[in-house]
Amino acid sequence: MIKTAQDIILKPVITEKSMDDLQAGKYTFKVATDANKTEIKKAVEQLFDVKVAKVNTLNVNGKAKRVGRYAGKTSDWKKAVVTLTADSKAIEFFEGMV
């Protein structure tokens, strides 16, 4: 199955730490669990028209949750921290959040 850039990059991760990393040119995204670093790099470059220097990925384990007597678990997901090159422009989506 051919994956499009929208299938790989699911949504941005908006946390205090990810907002602090914006000054360093690092952007955090929730990505498809089966996506690899080269696919993530191509998807970000295609979607946002920027140059990517490197991609760091990590698998995030879901947390155990309870609702009354029912125990469950949130889904596992994959996070990608994308570092842009120094001469690349910023991603416009994140500009108003700093």
Protein backbone atom coordinates (compact mmCIF):
# COMPACT_ATOMS: atom_id res chain seq x y z
CA MET A 1 0.00 0.00 0.00
CA ILE A 2 1.36 3.40 -0.98
CA LYS A 3 1.32 5.87 1.91
CA THR A 4 0.80 9.58 1.30
CA ALA A 5 2.39 12.30 3.40
CA GLN A 6 -0.95 12.78 5.20
CA ASP A 7 -0.97 9.09 6.15
CA ILE A 8 2.49 9.38 7.72
CA ILE A 9 2.24 12.71 9.58
CA LEU A 10 -0.89 12.40 11.74
CA LYS A 11 -0.82 15.54 13.90
CA PRO A 12 1.53 17.93 15.71
CA VAL A 13 2.40 17.35 19.36
CA ILE A 14 1.75 20.54 21.33
CA THR A 15 3.41 20.36 24.76
CA GLU A 16 5.58 22.72 26.79
CA LYS A 17 8.73 20.82 25.88
CA SER A 18 7.90 20.72 22.16
CA MET A 19 7.20 24.48 22.20
CA ASP A 20 10.59 25.12 23.86
CA ASP A 21 12.29 23.13 21.08
CA LEU A 22 10.86 25.40 18.37
CA GLN A 23 13.65 27.97 18.88
CA ALA A 24 16.18 25.22 18.06
CA GLY A 25 14.33 24.32 14.85
CA LYS A 26 12.87 21.09 16.24
CA TYR A 27 9.27 20.16 15.51
CA THR A 28 7.38 17.26 17.09
CA PHE A 29 4.74 15.18 15.30
CA LYS A 30 2.62 12.13 15.99
CA VAL A 31 3.35 9.76 13.10
CA ALA A 32 2.16 6.40 11.81
CA THR A 33 3.59 3.53 13.85
CA ASP A 34 4.91 1.74 10.76
CA ALA A 35 6.63 4.82 9.29
CA ASN A 36 10.44 4.92 9.21
CA LYS A 37 12.75 7.93 9.39
CA THR A 38 13.22 8.36 5.65
CA GLU A 39 9.46 8.27 5.04
CA ILE A 40 8.91 10.84 7.80
CA LYS A 41 11.63 13.10 6.36
CA LYS A 42 10.12 13.00 2.86
CA ALA A 43 6.60 13.60 4.22
CA VAL A 44 7.60 16.68 6.25
CA GLU A 45 9.57 18.12 3.33
CA GLN A 46 6.62 17.56 1.00
CA LEU A 47 3.90 18.88 3.32
CA PHE A 48 5.64 21.97 4.70
CA ASP A 49 8.20 22.76 1.93
CA VAL A 50 11.21 22.77 4.29
CA LYS A 51 14.62 21.07 4.45
CA VAL A 52 14.99 18.40 7.15
CA ALA A 53 18.42 17.82 8.73
CA LYS A 54 17.54 14.79 10.87
CA VAL A 55 14.66 12.82 12.33
CA ASN A 56 14.55 11.21 15.78
CA THR A 57 11.75 8.76 16.50
CA LEU A 58 10.49 7.09 19.64
CA ASN A 59 7.66 4.74 20.48
CA VAL A 60 5.40 6.02 23.26
CA ASN A 61 3.73 3.35 25.36
CA GLY A 62 0.10 3.89 26.32
CA LYS A 63 -0.84 4.62 29.91
CA ALA A 64 -3.01 2.43 32.13
CA LYS A 65 -6.36 4.12 32.79
CA ARG A 66 -9.37 3.29 34.93
CA VAL A 67 -13.01 4.30 34.77
CA GLY A 68 -14.63 2.94 37.92
CA ARG A 69 -14.00 -0.76 38.06
CA TYR A 70 -13.05 -1.01 34.39
CA ALA A 71 -9.33 -0.97 33.66
CA GLY A 72 -7.95 -0.20 30.24
CA LYS A 73 -5.00 1.28 28.40
CA THR A 74 -4.54 4.16 25.98
CA SER A 75 -3.07 3.35 22.58
CA ASP A 76 0.65 3.09 21.89
CA TRP A 77 1.87 5.66 19.36
CA LYS A 78 5.01 6.90 17.63
CA LYS A 79 6.53 10.35 18.01
CA ALA A 80 8.98 12.00 15.62
CA VAL A 81 11.18 15.00 16.46
CA VAL A 82 12.18 16.64 13.18
CA THR A 83 15.19 19.00 13.10
CA LEU A 84 15.30 21.48 10.23
CA THR A 85 18.46 22.75 8.55
CA ALA A 86 19.78 26.19 9.55
CA ASP A 87 18.90 27.74 6.17
CA SER A 88 15.37 26.27 6.08
CA LYS A 89 12.32 28.42 6.72
CA ALA A 90 10.14 27.79 9.79
CA ILE A 91 6.96 25.73 9.61
CA GLU A 92 4.15 28.28 9.45
CA PHE A 93 1.69 26.17 11.47
CA PHE A 94 3.78 26.56 14.64
CA GLU A 95 4.63 30.28 14.30
CA GLY A 96 1.72 31.71 16.30
CA MET A 97 2.20 29.29 19.22
CA VAL A 98 5.52 30.48 20.61
